[in-house]
């Protein structure tokens, strides 16, 4: 399982690149279908 700092780093990169709210990224990451959810919000 990834550390909190790595997760935050990834979230920051995604936010900067795609301008998505942090809450939407977190919801996607914690969902059972994380990969599909992240792709769908991008």
N, C-alpha and C. Protein backbone atom coordinates (compact mmCIF):
# COMPACT_ATOMS: atom_id res chain seq x y z
N UNK A 1 0.86 -1.20 0.00
CA UNK A 1 0.00 0.00 0.00
C UNK A 1 0.88 1.24 0.00
N UNK A 2 0.51 2.21 -0.81
CA UNK A 2 1.36 3.39 -0.94
C UNK A 2 1.28 4.27 0.30
N UNK A 3 2.35 4.97 0.58
CA UNK A 3 2.37 5.87 1.73
C UNK A 3 1.55 7.11 1.45
N UNK A 4 1.17 7.78 2.51
CA UNK A 4 0.36 8.99 2.38
C UNK A 4 1.07 10.06 1.55
N UNK A 5 2.37 10.20 1.76
CA UNK A 5 3.11 11.25 1.04
C UNK A 5 3.14 10.97 -0.45
N UNK A 6 3.32 9.70 -0.81
CA UNK A 6 3.31 9.34 -2.22
C UNK A 6 1.94 9.59 -2.82
N UNK A 7 0.90 9.20 -2.08
CA UNK A 7 -0.46 9.43 -2.55
C UNK A 7 -0.73 10.91 -2.76
N UNK A 8 -0.32 11.73 -1.79
CA UNK A 8 -0.51 13.18 -1.93
C UNK A 8 0.26 13.73 -3.12
N UNK A 9 1.45 13.21 -3.35
CA UNK A 9 2.26 13.63 -4.50
C UNK A 9 1.53 13.33 -5.80
N UNK A 10 0.99 12.11 -5.89
CA UNK A 10 0.24 11.71 -7.08
C UNK A 10 -0.99 12.59 -7.26
N UNK A 11 -1.71 12.83 -6.17
CA UNK A 11 -2.90 13.68 -6.24
C UNK A 11 -2.53 15.07 -6.72
N UNK A 12 -1.44 15.62 -6.19
CA UNK A 12 -1.02 16.96 -6.62
C UNK A 12 -0.68 17.00 -8.10
N UNK A 13 0.01 15.96 -8.58
CA UNK A 13 0.37 15.90 -10.00
C UNK A 13 -0.90 15.83 -10.85
N UNK A 14 -1.84 14.97 -10.45
CA UNK A 14 -3.09 14.83 -11.21
C UNK A 14 -3.86 16.15 -11.19
N UNK A 15 -3.93 16.79 -10.02
CA UNK A 15 -4.62 18.07 -9.91
C UNK A 15 -4.02 19.10 -10.85
N UNK A 16 -2.69 19.20 -10.85
CA UNK A 16 -2.02 20.20 -11.67
C UNK A 16 -2.20 19.92 -13.15
N UNK A 17 -2.15 18.64 -13.52
CA UNK A 17 -2.20 18.28 -14.94
C UNK A 17 -3.62 18.37 -15.48
N UNK A 18 -4.60 17.93 -14.69
CA UNK A 18 -5.97 17.81 -15.19
C UNK A 18 -6.95 18.78 -14.56
N UNK A 19 -6.49 19.56 -13.56
CA UNK A 19 -7.36 20.53 -12.90
C UNK A 19 -8.65 19.89 -12.37
N UNK A 20 -8.48 18.80 -11.63
CA UNK A 20 -9.62 18.12 -11.02
C UNK A 20 -9.58 18.37 -9.52
N UNK A 21 -10.74 18.47 -8.92
CA UNK A 21 -10.78 18.70 -7.48
C UNK A 21 -10.23 17.49 -6.73
N UNK A 22 -9.60 17.77 -5.59
CA UNK A 22 -8.96 16.72 -4.80
C UNK A 22 -9.99 15.69 -4.34
N UNK A 23 -11.18 16.14 -3.97
CA UNK A 23 -12.19 15.20 -3.48
C UNK A 23 -12.58 14.18 -4.54
N UNK A 24 -12.67 14.63 -5.81
CA UNK A 24 -13.02 13.69 -6.88
C UNK A 24 -11.91 12.68 -7.10
N UNK A 25 -10.65 13.12 -6.98
CA UNK A 25 -9.53 12.19 -7.13
C UNK A 25 -9.54 11.17 -6.00
N UNK A 26 -9.75 11.64 -4.77
CA UNK A 26 -9.75 10.74 -3.61
C UNK A 26 -10.88 9.72 -3.74
N UNK A 27 -12.07 10.19 -4.14
CA UNK A 27 -13.20 9.27 -4.31
C UNK A 27 -12.87 8.21 -5.36
N UNK A 28 -12.19 8.62 -6.42
CA UNK A 28 -11.81 7.67 -7.46
C UNK A 28 -10.78 6.67 -6.92
N UNK A 29 -9.81 7.18 -6.16
CA UNK A 29 -8.75 6.32 -5.65
C UNK A 29 -9.26 5.30 -4.65
N UNK A 30 -10.24 5.68 -3.84
CA UNK A 30 -10.72 4.75 -2.81
C UNK A 30 -11.82 3.83 -3.31
N UNK A 31 -12.29 4.07 -4.52
CA UNK A 31 -13.33 3.19 -5.06
C UNK A 31 -12.74 1.85 -5.45
N UNK A 32 -13.59 0.85 -5.58
CA UNK A 32 -13.13 -0.49 -5.93
C UNK A 32 -12.51 -0.52 -7.32
N UNK A 33 -13.03 0.30 -8.22
CA UNK A 33 -12.54 0.33 -9.60
C UNK A 33 -11.73 1.60 -9.80
N UNK A 34 -10.63 1.70 -9.05
CA UNK A 34 -9.86 2.95 -9.03
C UNK A 34 -9.38 3.35 -10.42
N UNK A 35 -8.83 2.42 -11.17
CA UNK A 35 -8.27 2.76 -12.47
C UNK A 35 -9.36 3.26 -13.40
N UNK A 36 -10.47 2.54 -13.48
CA UNK A 36 -11.57 2.95 -14.34
C UNK A 36 -12.14 4.29 -13.92
N UNK A 37 -12.24 4.52 -12.61
CA UNK A 37 -12.79 5.78 -12.12
C UNK A 37 -11.89 6.95 -12.46
N UNK A 38 -10.58 6.77 -12.29
CA UNK A 38 -9.65 7.85 -12.60
C UNK A 38 -9.72 8.16 -14.09
N UNK A 39 -9.76 7.14 -14.93
CA UNK A 39 -9.86 7.35 -16.37
C UNK A 39 -11.14 8.09 -16.70
N UNK A 40 -12.22 7.76 -16.01
CA UNK A 40 -13.51 8.37 -16.33
C UNK A 40 -13.57 9.84 -15.93
N UNK A 41 -12.86 10.24 -14.86
CA UNK A 41 -12.90 11.65 -14.47
C UNK A 41 -11.91 12.48 -15.26
N UNK A 42 -10.95 11.83 -15.94
CA UNK A 42 -10.03 12.58 -16.79
C UNK A 42 -10.71 12.85 -18.11
